[in-house]
PDB file of N, CA and C in Angstrom:
ATOM      1  N   MET A   1     -11.041-170.424 -55.961  1.00  0.00           N
ATOM      2  CA  MET A   1      -9.971-171.359 -56.036  1.00  0.00           C
ATOM      3  C   MET A   1      -9.085-171.186 -57.469  1.00  0.00           C
ATOM      4  N   ASN A   2      -8.214-170.954 -57.092  1.00  0.00           N
ATOM      5  CA  ASN A   2      -7.222-170.890 -58.286  1.00  0.00           C
ATOM      6  C   ASN A   2      -6.776-172.260 -59.014  1.00  0.00           C
ATOM      7  N   SER A   3      -7.673-172.572 -60.549  1.00  0.00           N
ATOM      8  CA  SER A   3      -7.422-173.674 -61.040  1.00  0.00           C
ATOM      9  C   SER A   3      -6.636-173.700 -61.950  1.00  0.00           C
ATOM     10  N   ILE A   4      -5.406-172.421 -62.517  1.00  0.00           N
ATOM     11  CA  ILE A   4      -4.780-172.377 -63.620  1.00  0.00           C
ATOM     12  C   ILE A   4      -3.440-173.242 -63.025  1.00  0.00           C
ATOM     13  N   HIS A   5      -2.936-174.059 -64.046  1.00  0.00           N
ATOM     14  CA  HIS A   5      -1.865-174.981 -64.377  1.00  0.00           C
ATOM     15  C   HIS A   5      -1.224-174.179 -65.317  1.00  0.00           C
ATOM     16  N   GLN A   6       0.221-174.460 -64.867  1.00  0.00           N
ATOM     17  CA  GLN A   6       1.074-173.634 -65.896  1.00  0.00           C
ATOM     18  C   GLN A   6       2.059-175.063 -66.065  1.00  0.00           C
ATOM     19  N   ILE A   7       2.101-174.307 -67.502  1.00  0.00           N
ATOM     20  CA  ILE A   7       3.955-175.754 -67.749  1.00  0.00           C
ATOM     21  C   ILE A   7       4.811-174.402 -68.351  1.00  0.00           C
ATOM     22  N   ILE A   8       6.214-174.677 -68.046  1.00  0.00           N
ATOM     23  CA  ILE A   8       7.122-173.726 -68.373  1.00  0.00           C
ATOM     24  C   ILE A   8       8.225-174.705 -69.007  1.00  0.00           C
ATOM     25  N   THR A   9       8.573-173.872 -70.355  1.00  0.00           N
ATOM     26  CA  THR A   9       9.539-174.304 -71.131  1.00  0.00           C
ATOM     27  C   THR A   9      10.992-173.221 -71.428  1.00  0.00           C
ATOM     28  N   ASP A  10      11.623-173.950 -71.680  1.00  0.00           N
ATOM     29  CA  ASP A  10      12.960-173.058 -72.454  1.00  0.00           C
ATOM     30  C   ASP A  10      12.455-171.733 -73.029  1.00  0.00           C
ATOM     31  N   ARG A  11      11.062-171.868 -73.314  1.00  0.00           N
ATOM     32  CA  ARG A  11      10.842-170.400 -74.444  1.00  0.00           C
ATOM     33  C   ARG A  11       9.327-170.369 -74.052  1.00  0.00           C
ATOM     34  N   PHE A  12       8.593-170.986 -73.753  1.00  0.00           N
ATOM     35  CA  PHE A  12       7.166-170.558 -73.369  1.00  0.00           C
ATOM     36  C   PHE A  12       6.814-170.597 -72.009  1.00  0.00           C
ATOM     37  N   VAL A  13       5.686-169.987 -71.567  1.00  0.00           N
ATOM     38  CA  VAL A  13       5.080-170.320 -70.512  1.00  0.00           C
ATOM     39  C   VAL A  13       3.407-170.259 -70.874  1.00  0.00           C
ATOM     40  N   LEU A  14       2.909-171.202 -70.259  1.00  0.00           N
ATOM     41  CA  LEU A  14       1.489-171.351 -71.063  1.00  0.00           C
ATOM     42  C   LEU A  14       0.688-171.828 -69.220  1.00  0.00           C
ATOM     43  N   GLY A  15      -0.338-170.784 -69.254  1.00  0.00           N
ATOM     44  CA  GLY A  15      -1.441-170.930 -68.327  1.00  0.00           C
ATOM     45  C   GLY A  15      -2.671-171.652 -68.591  1.00  0.00           C
ATOM     46  N   TYR A  16      -2.840-172.671 -68.045  1.00  0.00           N
ATOM     47  CA  TYR A  16      -4.524-173.476 -68.549  1.00  0.00           C
ATOM     48  C   TYR A  16      -5.282-173.699 -67.464  1.00  0.00           C
ATOM     49  N   ASN A  17      -6.500-173.294 -67.709  1.00  0.00           N
ATOM     50  CA  ASN A  17      -7.576-173.045 -67.020  1.00  0.00           C
ATOM     51  C   ASN A  17      -8.490-174.414 -67.248  1.00  0.00           C
ATOM     52  N   GLU A  18      -8.257-175.139 -65.940  1.00  0.00           N
ATOM     53  CA  GLU A  18      -8.711-176.724 -65.821  1.00  0.00           C
ATOM     54  C   GLU A  18     -10.475-176.254 -66.145  1.00  0.00           C
ATOM     55  N   PRO A  19     -11.316-175.561 -65.314  1.00  0.00           N
ATOM     56  CA  PRO A  19     -12.354-175.818 -65.329  1.00  0.00           C
ATOM     57  C   PRO A  19     -13.007-175.213 -66.349  1.00  0.00           C
ATOM     58  N   LEU A  20     -12.348-174.287 -67.302  1.00  0.00           N
ATOM     59  CA  LEU A  20     -13.008-173.600 -68.210  1.00  0.00           C
ATOM     60  C   LEU A  20     -12.249-174.508 -69.758  1.00  0.00           C
ATOM     61  N   GLU A  21     -11.265-175.257 -69.548  1.00  0.00           N
ATOM     62  CA  GLU A  21     -10.885-176.242 -70.395  1.00  0.00           C
ATOM     63  C   GLU A  21     -10.237-174.987 -71.305  1.00  0.00           C
ATOM     64  N   LYS A  22      -9.533-174.390 -71.109  1.00  0.00           N
ATOM     65  CA  LYS A  22      -9.095-173.265 -72.397  1.00  0.00           C
ATOM     66  C   LYS A  22      -7.500-172.802 -71.676  1.00  0.00           C
ATOM     67  N   VAL A  23      -6.928-172.263 -72.637  1.00  0.00           N
ATOM     68  CA  VAL A  23      -5.251-171.664 -72.327  1.00  0.00           C
ATOM     69  C   VAL A  23      -5.696-170.358 -72.222  1.00  0.00           C
ATOM     70  N   GLN A  24      -5.174-169.743 -70.792  1.00  0.00           N
ATOM     71  CA  GLN A  24      -5.540-168.428 -70.168  1.00  0.00           C
ATOM     72  C   GLN A  24      -4.527-167.403 -71.034  1.00  0.00           C
ATOM     73  N   TYR A  25      -3.141-167.808 -70.886  1.00  0.00           N
ATOM     74  CA  TYR A  25      -2.149-167.151 -71.495  1.00  0.00           C
ATOM     75  C   TYR A  25      -1.077-168.367 -72.053  1.00  0.00           C
ATOM     76  N   LEU A  26      -0.317-167.481 -72.789  1.00  0.00           N
ATOM     77  CA  LEU A  26       0.886-168.222 -73.730  1.00  0.00           C
ATOM     78  C   LEU A  26       1.742-166.972 -74.047  1.00  0.00           C
ATOM     79  N   TYR A  27       3.117-167.291 -73.407  1.00  0.00           N
ATOM     80  CA  TYR A  27       4.054-166.013 -73.561  1.00  0.00           C
ATOM     81  C   TYR A  27       5.235-166.784 -73.942  1.00  0.00           C
ATOM     82  N   CYS A  28       6.190-166.072 -74.670  1.00  0.00           N
ATOM     83  CA  CYS A  28       7.138-166.450 -75.730  1.00  0.00           C
ATOM     84  C   CYS A  28       8.458-165.432 -74.419  1.00  0.00           C
ATOM     85  N   TYR A  29       8.732-166.563 -73.446  1.00  0.00           N
ATOM     86  CA  TYR A  29       9.687-165.924 -72.595  1.00  0.00           C
ATOM     87  C   TYR A  29      10.962-164.990 -73.004  1.00  0.00           C
ATOM     88  N   PRO A  30      11.478-165.488 -73.893  1.00  0.00           N
ATOM     89  CA  PRO A  30      12.873-164.965 -74.622  1.00  0.00           C
ATOM     90  C   PRO A  30      12.481-163.677 -75.457  1.00  0.00           C
ATOM     91  N   GLU A  31      11.541-163.547 -75.977  1.00  0.00           N
ATOM     92  CA  GLU A  31      11.315-162.493 -76.821  1.00  0.00           C
ATOM     93  C   GLU A  31      10.186-161.284 -75.901  1.00  0.00           C
ATOM     94  N   ASP A  32      10.031-162.149 -74.802  1.00  0.00           N
ATOM     95  CA  ASP A  32       8.863-161.069 -73.879  1.00  0.00           C
ATOM     96  C   ASP A  32       9.219-161.470 -72.562  1.00  0.00           C
ATOM     97  N   PRO A  33      10.411-160.977 -71.906  1.00  0.00           N
ATOM     98  CA  PRO A  33      10.889-161.475 -70.500  1.00  0.00           C
ATOM     99  C   PRO A  33       9.488-160.850 -69.296  1.00  0.00           C
ATOM    100  N   GLY A  34       9.104-159.735 -69.894  1.00  0.00           N
ATOM    101  CA  GLY A  34       7.793-158.949 -68.862  1.00  0.00           C
ATOM    102  C   GLY A  34       6.398-159.613 -69.121  1.00  0.00           C
ATOM    103  N   LEU A  35       6.635-160.736 -69.749  1.00  0.00           N
ATOM    104  CA  LEU A  35       5.319-161.402 -69.864  1.00  0.00           C
ATOM    105  C   LEU A  35       4.007-160.758 -70.151  1.00  0.00           C
ATOM    106  N   LYS A  36       4.074-159.631 -71.399  1.00  0.00           N
ATOM    107  CA  LYS A  36       3.280-158.310 -71.670  1.00  0.00           C
ATOM    108  C   LYS A  36       2.268-158.762 -72.809  1.00  0.00           C
ATOM    109  N   ARG A  37       2.943-159.618 -73.675  1.00  0.00           N
ATOM    110  CA  ARG A  37       2.369-160.169 -75.064  1.00  0.00           C
ATOM    111  C   ARG A  37       1.620-161.315 -74.716  1.00  0.00           C
ATOM    112  N   ASN A  38       0.288-161.549 -74.831  1.00  0.00           N
ATOM    113  CA  ASN A  38      -0.253-162.608 -74.259  1.00  0.00           C
ATOM    114  C   ASN A  38      -0.591-163.235 -76.005  1.00  0.00           C
ATOM    115  N   LEU A  39       0.022-164.727 -76.319  1.00  0.00           N
ATOM    116  CA  LEU A  39      -0.280-165.272 -77.687  1.00  0.00           C
ATOM    117  C   LEU A  39      -0.952-166.415 -77.490  1.00  0.00           C
ATOM    118  N   ALA A  40      -2.077-166.462 -76.610  1.00  0.00           N
ATOM    119  CA  ALA A  40      -2.852-167.558 -76.789  1.00  0.00           C
ATOM    120  C   ALA A  40      -3.664-167.774 -77.737  1.00  0.00           C
ATOM    121  N   ASP A  41      -4.361-166.506 -78.227  1.00  0.00           N
ATOM    122  CA  ASP A  41      -4.916-166.455 -79.780  1.00  0.00           C
ATOM    123  C   ASP A  41      -4.413-166.034 -81.010  1.00  0.00           C
ATOM    124  N   ASP A  42      -2.946-166.141 -80.405  1.00  0.00           N
ATOM    125  CA  ASP A  42      -2.201-165.499 -81.826  1.00  0.00           C
ATOM    126  C   ASP A  42      -2.094-167.088 -82.764  1.00  0.00           C
ATOM    127  N   PRO A  43      -2.380-166.856 -84.013  1.00  0.00           N
ATOM    128  CA  PRO A  43      -2.439-168.142 -85.064  1.00  0.00           C
ATOM    129  C   PRO A  43      -1.316-168.710 -85.311  1.00  0.00           C
ATOM    130  N   GLU A  44       0.034-167.623 -85.322  1.00  0.00           N
ATOM    131  CA  GLU A  44       1.050-168.071 -85.558  1.00  0.00           C
ATOM    132  C   GLU A  44       1.912-169.157 -84.407  1.00  0.00           C
ATOM    133  N   TYR A  45       1.012-169.059 -83.220  1.00  0.00           N
ATOM    134  CA  TYR A  45       1.655-169.933 -82.351  1.00  0.00           C
ATOM    135  C   TYR A  45       0.335-170.849 -81.685  1.00  0.00           C
ATOM    136  N   SER A  46      -0.015-171.356 -82.470  1.00  0.00           N
ATOM    137  CA  SER A  46      -0.962-172.388 -82.279  1.00  0.00           C
ATOM    138  C   SER A  46      -0.150-173.801 -82.297  1.00  0.00           C
ATOM    139  N   GLY A  47       0.459-173.966 -82.748  1.00  0.00           N
ATOM    140  CA  GLY A  47       0.968-175.475 -83.324  1.00  0.00           C
ATOM    141  C   GLY A  47       1.794-175.671 -81.561  1.00  0.00           C
ATOM    142  N   GLU A  48       2.806-174.521 -80.724  1.00  0.00           N
ATOM    143  CA  GLU A  48       3.091-174.712 -79.787  1.00  0.00           C
ATOM    144  C   GLU A  48       1.944-174.666 -78.468  1.00  0.00           C
ATOM    145  N   LYS A  49       1.100-173.745 -78.903  1.00  0.00           N
ATOM    146  CA  LYS A  49      -0.091-174.082 -77.824  1.00  0.00           C
ATOM    147  C   LYS A  49      -0.657-175.079 -77.684  1.00  0.00           C
ATOM    148  N   GLU A  50      -0.908-176.085 -78.676  1.00  0.00           N
ATOM    149  CA  GLU A  50      -1.855-177.340 -78.612  1.00  0.00           C
ATOM    150  C   GLU A  50      -0.512-178.141 -78.122  1.00  0.00           C
ATOM    151  N   ALA A  51       0.398-178.255 -78.486  1.00  0.00           N
ATOM    152  CA  ALA A  51       1.445-179.070 -77.752  1.00  0.00           C
ATOM    153  C   ALA A  51       1.529-178.959 -76.357  1.00  0.00           C
ATOM    154  N   LEU A  52       1.730-177.695 -75.870  1.00  0.00           N
ATOM    155  CA  LEU A  52       1.941-177.657 -74.233  1.00  0.00           C
ATOM    156  C   LEU A  52       0.581-177.743 -73.756  1.00  0.00           C
ATOM    157  N   GLN A  53      -0.810-177.532 -74.528  1.00  0.00           N
ATOM    158  CA  GLN A  53      -1.945-177.688 -73.696  1.00  0.00           C
ATOM    159  C   GLN A  53      -1.662-179.451 -73.483  1.00  0.00           C
ATOM    160  N   ASN A  54      -1.874-179.848 -74.665  1.00  0.00           N
ATOM    161  CA  ASN A  54      -1.913-181.773 -74.714  1.00  0.00           C
ATOM    162  C   ASN A  54      -1.110-182.152 -73.457  1.00  0.00           C
ATOM    163  N   ILE A  55       0.467-181.534 -73.360  1.00  0.00           N
ATOM    164  CA  ILE A  55       0.967-182.033 -72.079  1.00  0.00           C
ATOM    165  C   ILE A  55       0.656-181.550 -70.808  1.00  0.00           C
ATOM    166  N   ILE A  56      -0.384-180.675 -70.703  1.00  0.00           N
ATOM    167  CA  ILE A  56      -0.734-180.079 -69.347  1.00  0.00           C
ATOM    168  C   ILE A  56      -1.983-180.854 -69.102  1.00  0.00           C
ATOM    169  N   ARG A  57      -2.579-181.082 -70.138  1.00  0.00           N
ATOM    170  CA  ARG A  57      -3.900-181.781 -70.011  1.00  0.00           C
ATOM    171  C   ARG A  57      -3.626-183.545 -69.540  1.00  0.00           C
ATOM    172  N   ALA A  58      -2.630-184.096 -70.261  1.00  0.00           N
ATOM    173  CA  ALA A  58      -2.395-185.166 -70.013  1.00  0.00           C
ATOM    174  C   ALA A  58      -1.777-185.403 -68.361  1.00  0.00           C
ATOM    175  N   ASN A  59      -1.132-184.499 -67.904  1.00  0.00           N
ATOM    176  CA  ASN A  59      -0.519-184.506 -66.530  1.00  0.00           C
ATOM    177  C   ASN A  59      -1.700-184.595 -65.619  1.00  0.00           C
ATOM    178  N   ILE A  60      -2.809-183.415 -65.880  1.00  0.00           N
ATOM    179  CA  ILE A  60      -3.881-183.103 -65.103  1.00  0.00           C
ATOM    180  C   ILE A  60      -4.423-184.755 -64.677  1.00  0.00           C
ATOM    181  N   GLN A  61      -4.731-185.357 -66.427  1.00  0.00           N
ATOM    182  CA  GLN A  61      -5.438-186.703 -66.314  1.00  0.00           C
ATOM    183  C   GLN A  61      -4.620-187.769 -65.313  1.00  0.00           C
ATOM    184  N   GLN A  62      -3.354-187.780 -65.549  1.00  0.00           N
ATOM    185  CA  GLN A  62      -2.550-188.674 -64.723  1.00  0.00           C
ATOM    186  C   GLN A  62      -2.670-188.808 -63.260  1.00  0.00           C
ATOM    187  N   TYR A  63      -2.630-187.411 -62.768  1.00  0.00           N
ATOM    188  CA  TYR A  63      -2.836-187.162 -61.566  1.00  0.00           C
ATOM    189  C   TYR A  63      -4.310-187.540 -61.139  1.00  0.00           C
ATOM    190  N   ASN A  64      -5.483-187.202 -62.169  1.00  0.00           N
ATOM    191  CA  ASN A  64      -6.889-187.335 -61.385  1.00  0.00           C
ATOM    192  C   ASN A  64      -6.829-189.036 -61.271  1.00  0.00           C
ATOM    193  N   ASN A  65      -6.428-189.775 -62.261  1.00  0.00           N
ATOM    194  CA  ASN A  65      -6.330-191.269 -62.219  1.00  0.00           C
ATOM    195  C   ASN A  65      -5.409-191.582 -60.964  1.00  0.00           C
ATOM    196  N   SER A  66      -4.624-191.091 -60.632  1.00  0.00           N
ATOM    197  CA  SER A  66      -3.621-191.591 -59.384  1.00  0.00           C
ATOM    198  C   SER A  66      -4.686-191.328 -58.391  1.00  0.00           C
ATOM    199  N   LEU A  67      -5.126-190.196 -58.189  1.00  0.00           N
ATOM    200  CA  LEU A  67      -6.117-189.908 -57.258  1.00  0.00           C
ATOM    201  C   LEU A  67      -7.054-191.020 -57.179  1.00  0.00           C
ATOM    202  N   LEU A  68      -7.777-191.216 -57.788  1.00  0.00           N
ATOM    203  CA  LEU A  68      -8.838-192.372 -57.884  1.00  0.00           C
ATOM    204  C   LEU A  68      -8.293-193.760 -57.633  1.00  0.00           C
ATOM    205  N   ARG A  69      -6.825-194.424 -58.095  1.00  0.00           N
ATOM    206  CA  ARG A  69      -6.457-195.023 -57.518  1.00  0.00           C
ATOM    207  C   ARG A  69      -5.974-195.205 -56.048  1.00  0.00           C
ATOM    208  N   ARG A  70      -5.836-194.109 -55.803  1.00  0.00           N
ATOM    209  CA  ARG A  70      -5.184-193.781 -54.094  1.00  0.00           C
ATOM    210  C   ARG A  70      -3.673-193.935 -54.161  1.00  0.00           C
ATOM    211  N   SER A  71      -3.344-193.745 -55.414  1.00  0.00           N
ATOM    212  CA  SER A  71      -1.709-194.192 -55.275  1.00  0.00           C
ATOM    213  C   SER A  71      -0.910-193.012 -56.319  1.00  0.00           C
ATOM    214  N   LEU A  72       0.136-192.117 -55.852  1.00  0.00           N
ATOM    215  CA  LEU A  72       0.633-190.944 -56.417  1.00  0.00           C
ATOM    216  C   LEU A  72       2.059-191.690 -57.002  1.00  0.00           C
ATOM    217  N   PHE A  73       2.217-193.070 -57.163  1.00  0.00           N
ATOM    218  CA  PHE A  73       3.655-193.527 -57.650  1.00  0.00           C
ATOM    219  C   PHE A  73       3.209-194.819 -58.286  1.00  0.00           C
ATOM    220  N   SER A  74       4.373-195.466 -59.165  1.00  0.00           N
ATOM    221  CA  SER A  74       4.121-196.315 -60.062  1.00  0.00           C
ATOM    222  C   SER A  74       4.552-197.244 -59.395  1.00  0.00           C
ATOM    223  N   GLU A  75       3.975-199.003 -59.129  1.00  0.00           N
ATOM    224  CA  GLU A  75       4.558-199.753 -58.585  1.00  0.00           C
ATOM    225  C   GLU A  75       5.253-200.671 -59.741  1.00  0.00           C
TER     226      GLU A  75
END
């Protein structure tokens, strides 16, 4: 089962592996349109990586909580 979740912004593409709870890849699309240079372990991009990781983890948590409530909509 593929458990990679992606978040795409105007600058970055981040892939988060939910079972491993880690970022698999981070690419800066404008500078690397071929997505060849993985920046996930580059300390220069740690701030962007952490921010995007927090967003994706929050989305996963919200989705899982919705499933527990058996409701995917706000009342």
